[in-house]
Amino acid sequence: MQLATINGVTLRYEVLGDKGPWMALSPGGRREMGNVRPLAQKMAAAGYRVLIHDRRNCGASEVAFDGNQSEYEIWADDLAELLKKLNAAPTIIGGGSSGARLAMLYALNYASRVKALLLWRITGGPFAAQRLSENYYDQYIRAAEQGGMAAVAATEHFAQRIVDNPRNRQLLNKIGVEEFIGVMKQWRAYFVEGANLPVIGATEQELNSIKVPVCIIPGNDKTHSHLTGTAAHRMIPGSELHDLWPGDLDIDLFPAEDWAKKEVEQAAIFADFLKRKGLNA
């Protein structure tokens, strides 16, 4: 694993494979890059060089807060700079859940740098927006309001960021409480604006504008529904839909560890798709 300073923030990354077309994969939520490593290993074995990285505020990368853009646009900008630094563009971009949002925003903002998109567990709808805004933003706003940055640092997510990278304690203490709350509220506003979009983070017109090959594997719960996956498929011209988990379960979130049980099939779907599109090694 290596470190790179990108847009003023030190990020941890890893490249799997040493030859073939470049690919970048991102996990869901604010999970660390290890959550997508098994899939990345399978794609590397299929002949790709695969970048995985801890996004800012994730894993062992540094924490940083800027309310001028949505969190996912910032992640897309960071990924663009990291890939540029590695001389790894144009790139096949993939991700699940929040990683899928990152991938779609990357394709919209850096169209000339994208060869294809691999998307799974796409998020959309009011239920997902409400549930995830609590997970990503509201709980930290309350913590800061009630106990300042010490309380934020004590939350499960940020406490682990300090364990993974002790410098994050200093970085959290450096930001003022009001500034932190302001950024969280701004990020939350960007997020909830997407509640009534086809997918969180992209309008129908934006989805219509994506021209690269796109492979979609829909989720199977109330946060990542088939309805959202099929809507994205319908709106992205020429995209393919491959269903690993028929039907939605009446649960908020299908466990990531259970989803991973079909990673062999997921990797095979992606590898076959890319081969048919002429994007194999």
Protein backbone atom coordinates (compact mmCIF):
# COMPACT_ATOMS: atom_id res chain seq x y z
CA MET A 1 0.00 0.00 0.00
CA GLN A 2 1.18 3.49 -0.84
CA LEU A 3 0.40 7.10 0.00
CA ALA A 4 -0.21 10.07 -2.27
CA THR A 5 -1.07 13.68 -1.48
CA ILE A 6 -4.06 14.54 -3.67
CA ASN A 7 -5.73 17.96 -3.59
CA GLY A 8 -3.97 18.64 -0.28
CA VAL A 9 -5.12 15.40 1.40
CA THR A 10 -2.99 12.29 1.92
CA LEU A 11 -4.73 9.20 0.57
CA ARG A 12 -3.80 5.53 0.94
CA TYR A 13 -3.97 3.41 -2.20
CA GLU A 14 -2.98 0.07 -3.67
CA VAL A 15 -2.59 -1.25 -7.22
CA LEU A 16 -3.34 -4.90 -7.90
CA GLY A 17 -1.91 -6.41 -11.09
CA ASP A 18 1.04 -5.13 -13.07
CA LYS A 19 -0.25 -5.10 -16.65
CA GLY A 20 -3.37 -4.68 -18.73
CA PRO A 21 -6.00 -1.91 -18.91
CA TRP A 22 -6.38 0.31 -15.87
CA MET A 23 -9.43 -0.02 -13.64
CA ALA A 24 -10.44 1.77 -10.42
CA LEU A 25 -12.95 0.23 -7.99
CA SER A 26 -14.55 1.90 -4.95
CA PRO A 27 -16.58 0.32 -2.12
CA GLY A 28 -19.89 1.50 -0.71
CA GLY A 29 -20.59 3.73 2.27
CA ARG A 30 -17.46 5.21 3.78
CA ARG A 31 -15.91 1.76 3.92
CA GLU A 32 -12.17 1.31 3.60
CA MET A 33 -10.64 -0.07 0.42
CA GLY A 34 -10.27 -3.59 1.82
CA ASN A 35 -13.99 -4.07 1.25
CA VAL A 36 -13.46 -4.06 -2.51
CA ARG A 37 -10.05 -5.78 -2.54
CA PRO A 38 -11.42 -9.33 -3.14
CA LEU A 39 -13.25 -8.16 -6.27
CA ALA A 40 -10.21 -6.16 -7.34
CA GLN A 41 -8.05 -9.28 -6.97
CA LYS A 42 -10.40 -11.20 -9.25
CA MET A 43 -10.33 -8.45 -11.86
CA ALA A 44 -6.52 -8.28 -11.63
CA ALA A 45 -6.44 -12.04 -12.23
CA ALA A 46 -8.55 -11.40 -15.34
CA GLY A 47 -5.80 -9.17 -16.72
CA TYR A 48 -6.42 -5.67 -15.35
CA ARG A 49 -4.37 -3.24 -13.27
CA VAL A 50 -6.79 -2.28 -10.53
CA LEU A 51 -6.51 0.78 -8.31
CA ILE A 52 -8.26 0.73 -4.95
CA HIS A 53 -7.94 3.55 -2.47
CA ASP A 54 -9.23 4.94 0.80
CA ARG A 55 -11.24 8.01 -0.10
CA ARG A 56 -10.84 11.05 2.16
CA ASN A 57 -12.65 10.41 5.48
CA CYS A 58 -12.35 6.67 4.86
CA GLY A 59 -9.91 3.98 5.98
CA ALA A 60 -6.39 5.21 6.70
CA SER A 61 -6.61 8.31 4.49
CA GLU A 62 -6.79 11.74 6.05
CA VAL A 63 -10.01 13.42 7.05
CA ALA A 64 -10.86 16.69 5.30
CA PHE A 65 -14.03 18.77 5.03
CA ASP A 66 -15.03 21.17 2.26
CA GLY A 67 -18.64 22.17 1.69
CA ASN A 68 -18.14 23.78 -1.72
CA GLN A 69 -19.06 20.51 -3.46
CA SER A 70 -20.92 17.35 -2.58
CA GLU A 71 -18.85 14.68 -0.88
CA TYR A 72 -19.14 12.48 -3.97
CA GLU A 73 -17.91 15.20 -6.34
CA ILE A 74 -14.90 15.70 -4.08
CA TRP A 75 -14.22 11.97 -4.14
CA ALA A 76 -14.47 12.00 -7.95
CA ASP A 77 -12.02 14.91 -8.17
CA ASP A 78 -9.59 13.12 -5.84
CA LEU A 79 -9.81 9.93 -7.91
CA ALA A 80 -9.19 11.89 -11.12
CA GLU A 81 -6.03 13.42 -9.68
CA LEU A 82 -4.81 10.11 -8.26
CA LEU A 83 -5.29 8.37 -11.61
CA LYS A 84 -3.52 11.24 -13.36
CA LYS A 85 -0.63 10.94 -10.93
CA LEU A 86 -0.38 7.23 -11.73
CA ASN A 87 -0.62 7.91 -15.49
CA ALA A 88 -3.61 5.57 -15.41
CA ALA A 89 -6.18 7.39 -17.56
CA PRO A 90 -8.38 6.67 -19.42
CA THR A 91 -9.74 4.15 -16.95
CA ILE A 92 -12.52 1.64 -16.39
CA ILE A 93 -14.32 3.05 -13.32
CA GLY A 94 -16.42 0.89 -11.00
CA GLY A 95 -18.11 1.04 -7.66
CA GLY A 96 -20.95 -0.12 -5.46
CA SER A 97 -23.48 2.07 -3.66
CA SER A 98 -21.59 5.29 -2.78
CA GLY A 99 -18.81 3.96 -5.00
CA ALA A 100 -21.34 3.80 -7.85
CA ARG A 101 -22.29 7.44 -7.20
CA LEU A 102 -18.61 8.33 -7.34
CA ALA A 103 -18.23 6.40 -10.62
CA MET A 104 -21.23 8.07 -12.27
CA LEU A 105 -20.10 11.55 -11.18
CA TYR A 106 -16.62 10.75 -12.46
CA ALA A 107 -18.09 9.81 -15.84
CA LEU A 108 -20.12 13.03 -15.94
CA ASN A 109 -17.24 15.29 -14.92
CA TYR A 110 -14.35 13.48 -16.62
CA ALA A 111 -15.98 11.89 -19.65
CA SER A 112 -12.80 11.82 -21.76
CA ARG A 113 -10.98 9.85 -19.04
CA VAL A 114 -13.48 6.98 -18.82
CA LYS A 115 -13.45 3.75 -20.86
CA ALA A 116 -16.42 2.05 -19.18
CA LEU A 117 -18.47 1.97 -15.98
CA LEU A 118 -19.07 -1.06 -13.74
CA LEU A 119 -21.90 -0.23 -11.31
CA TRP A 120 -23.50 -2.31 -8.61
CA ARG A 121 -26.02 -1.64 -5.85
CA ILE A 122 -27.04 1.77 -7.22
CA THR A 123 -28.81 3.92 -4.65
CA GLY A 124 -31.95 5.95 -5.15
CA GLY A 125 -35.32 7.03 -3.79
CA PRO A 126 -36.62 8.85 -0.68
CA PHE A 127 -36.07 5.90 1.67
CA ALA A 128 -32.40 5.60 0.76
CA ALA A 129 -31.87 9.37 0.93
CA GLN A 130 -33.41 9.61 4.40
CA ARG A 131 -31.64 6.56 5.80
CA LEU A 132 -28.24 7.44 4.39
CA SER A 133 -28.38 11.13 5.30
CA GLU A 134 -28.70 9.99 8.93
CA ASN A 135 -25.79 7.58 8.58
CA TYR A 136 -23.50 9.96 6.72
CA TYR A 137 -24.34 13.37 8.16
CA ASP A 138 -27.09 13.81 10.76
CA GLN A 139 -25.47 11.70 13.49
CA TYR A 140 -22.25 13.72 13.22
CA ILE A 141 -24.09 17.04 13.25
CA ARG A 142 -25.78 15.99 16.51
CA ALA A 143 -22.50 14.80 18.00
CA ALA A 144 -20.79 18.10 17.20
CA GLU A 145 -23.69 20.15 18.53
CA GLN A 146 -23.80 18.19 21.77
CA GLY A 147 -20.13 17.58 22.50
CA GLY A 148 -17.94 19.41 20.00
CA MET A 149 -15.20 17.78 17.97
CA ALA A 150 -14.27 15.50 20.88
CA ALA A 151 -17.68 13.88 20.51
CA VAL A 152 -17.23 13.57 16.75
CA ALA A 153 -13.86 11.89 17.31
CA ALA A 154 -15.54 9.44 19.69
CA THR A 155 -18.14 8.26 17.14
CA GLU A 156 -17.55 4.78 15.78
CA HIS A 157 -16.55 5.92 12.31
CA PHE A 158 -14.15 8.70 13.24
CA ALA A 159 -12.70 6.82 16.19
CA GLN A 160 -11.68 4.13 13.70
CA ARG A 161 -10.20 6.76 11.39
CA ILE A 162 -7.95 7.80 14.28
CA VAL A 163 -6.96 4.19 14.93
CA ASP A 164 -6.14 3.71 11.25
CA ASN A 165 -4.31 7.05 10.99
CA PRO A 166 -3.45 8.78 14.31
CA ARG A 167 -2.88 12.10 12.50
CA ASN A 168 -6.65 12.28 12.00
CA ARG A 169 -7.13 13.22 15.66
CA GLN A 170 -5.10 16.37 15.08
CA LEU A 171 -6.96 17.11 11.86
CA LEU A 172 -10.35 16.70 13.56
CA ASN A 173 -9.30 18.95 16.44
CA LYS A 174 -8.06 21.56 13.98
CA ILE A 175 -11.46 22.15 12.37
CA GLY A 176 -13.85 24.37 14.28
CA VAL A 177 -17.16 22.96 15.45
CA GLU A 178 -19.25 25.46 13.50
CA GLU A 179 -17.22 24.88 10.35
CA PHE A 180 -17.63 21.10 10.69
CA ILE A 181 -21.39 21.40 11.26
CA GLY A 182 -21.67 23.76 8.29
CA VAL A 183 -19.90 21.32 5.96
CA MET A 184 -21.99 18.38 7.19
CA LYS A 185 -25.19 20.35 6.63
CA GLN A 186 -24.06 21.37 3.15
CA TRP A 187 -23.10 17.80 2.23
CA ARG A 188 -26.46 16.63 3.61
CA ALA A 189 -28.29 19.20 1.48
CA TYR A 190 -26.52 18.01 -1.67
CA PHE A 191 -27.46 14.45 -0.76
CA VAL A 192 -31.15 14.89 0.08
CA GLU A 193 -31.66 16.96 -3.08
CA GLY A 194 -31.27 13.63 -4.87
CA ALA A 195 -34.18 11.94 -3.09
CA ASN A 196 -36.48 12.34 -6.07
CA LEU A 197 -33.91 11.81 -8.82
CA PRO A 198 -33.72 8.50 -10.70
CA VAL A 199 -30.53 7.76 -8.76
CA ILE A 200 -28.98 9.80 -5.98
CA GLY A 201 -26.39 12.06 -7.56
CA ALA A 202 -27.60 12.16 -11.19
CA THR A 203 -30.57 13.49 -13.14
CA GLU A 204 -32.23 11.66 -16.04
CA GLN A 205 -30.61 14.10 -18.46
CA GLU A 206 -27.19 13.43 -16.96
CA LEU A 207 -27.71 9.67 -17.15
CA ASN A 208 -28.80 10.07 -20.79
CA SER A 209 -25.49 11.83 -21.52
CA ILE A 210 -23.26 8.91 -20.50
CA LYS A 211 -21.87 7.42 -23.71
CA VAL A 212 -19.33 4.82 -22.53
CA PRO A 213 -20.19 1.12 -22.08
CA VAL A 214 -21.98 0.60 -18.75
CA CYS A 215 -22.63 -2.66 -16.90
CA ILE A 216 -25.15 -2.54 -14.03
CA ILE A 217 -25.82 -5.12 -11.32
CA PRO A 218 -28.80 -3.92 -9.25
CA GLY A 219 -29.04 -4.29 -5.49
CA ASN A 220 -31.71 -6.21 -3.62
CA ASP A 221 -32.83 -4.18 -0.60
CA LYS A 222 -34.75 -1.00 0.21
CA THR A 223 -31.62 1.15 -0.02
CA HIS A 224 -30.40 -0.37 -3.30
CA SER A 225 -33.54 -1.48 -5.07
CA HIS A 226 -34.09 -3.17 -8.41
CA LEU A 227 -36.27 -0.18 -9.31
CA THR A 228 -33.27 2.13 -9.04
CA GLY A 229 -30.96 -0.20 -10.94
CA THR A 230 -33.42 -0.70 -13.77
CA ALA A 231 -34.10 3.05 -13.94
CA ALA A 232 -30.39 3.72 -14.40
CA HIS A 233 -30.25 0.98 -17.05
CA ARG A 234 -33.20 2.47 -18.90
CA MET A 235 -31.71 5.97 -18.88
CA ILE A 236 -28.08 5.18 -19.74
CA PRO A 237 -27.96 4.51 -23.48
CA GLY A 238 -26.75 1.03 -24.40
CA SER A 239 -26.15 -0.07 -20.82
CA GLU A 240 -26.45 -3.72 -19.81
CA LEU A 241 -28.33 -5.03 -16.77
CA HIS A 242 -27.22 -8.27 -15.10
CA ASP A 243 -29.18 -9.54 -12.09
CA LEU A 244 -27.29 -11.47 -9.42
CA TRP A 245 -30.00 -11.29 -6.75
CA PRO A 246 -33.51 -11.50 -8.25
CA GLY A 247 -36.14 -9.68 -6.21
CA ASP A 248 -35.81 -7.15 -3.40
CA LEU A 249 -35.77 -8.18 0.25
CA ASP A 250 -37.88 -6.19 2.72
CA ILE A 251 -34.83 -5.06 4.66
CA ASP A 252 -33.04 -1.73 4.90
CA LEU A 253 -29.65 -3.10 3.88
CA PHE A 254 -28.49 -6.47 2.56
CA PRO A 255 -25.21 -7.26 4.40
CA ALA A 256 -22.08 -6.59 2.36
CA GLU A 257 -20.58 -9.88 3.52
CA ASP A 258 -23.55 -11.75 2.05
CA TRP A 259 -23.34 -9.81 -1.21
CA ALA A 260 -19.67 -10.82 -1.40
CA LYS A 261 -20.70 -14.49 -1.63
CA LYS A 262 -21.42 -13.89 -5.32
CA GLU A 263 -18.24 -11.95 -6.12
CA VAL A 264 -16.99 -14.76 -8.36
CA GLU A 265 -20.12 -14.39 -10.49
CA GLN A 266 -19.89 -10.59 -10.30
CA ALA A 267 -16.29 -10.61 -11.54
CA ALA A 268 -17.22 -13.03 -14.33
CA ILE A 269 -20.05 -10.73 -15.47
CA PHE A 270 -17.73 -7.73 -15.55
CA ALA A 271 -14.90 -9.59 -17.30
CA ASP A 272 -17.25 -10.94 -19.98
CA PHE A 273 -18.84 -7.52 -20.48
CA LEU A 274 -15.45 -5.83 -20.91
CA LYS A 275 -14.24 -8.54 -23.28
CA ARG A 276 -17.30 -8.12 -25.48
CA LYS A 277 -16.68 -4.35 -25.52
CA GLY A 278 -13.07 -4.84 -26.59
CA LEU A 279 -11.71 -3.61 -23.25
CA ASN A 280 -9.96 -6.80 -22.14
CA ALA A 281 -6.22 -7.29 -21.80
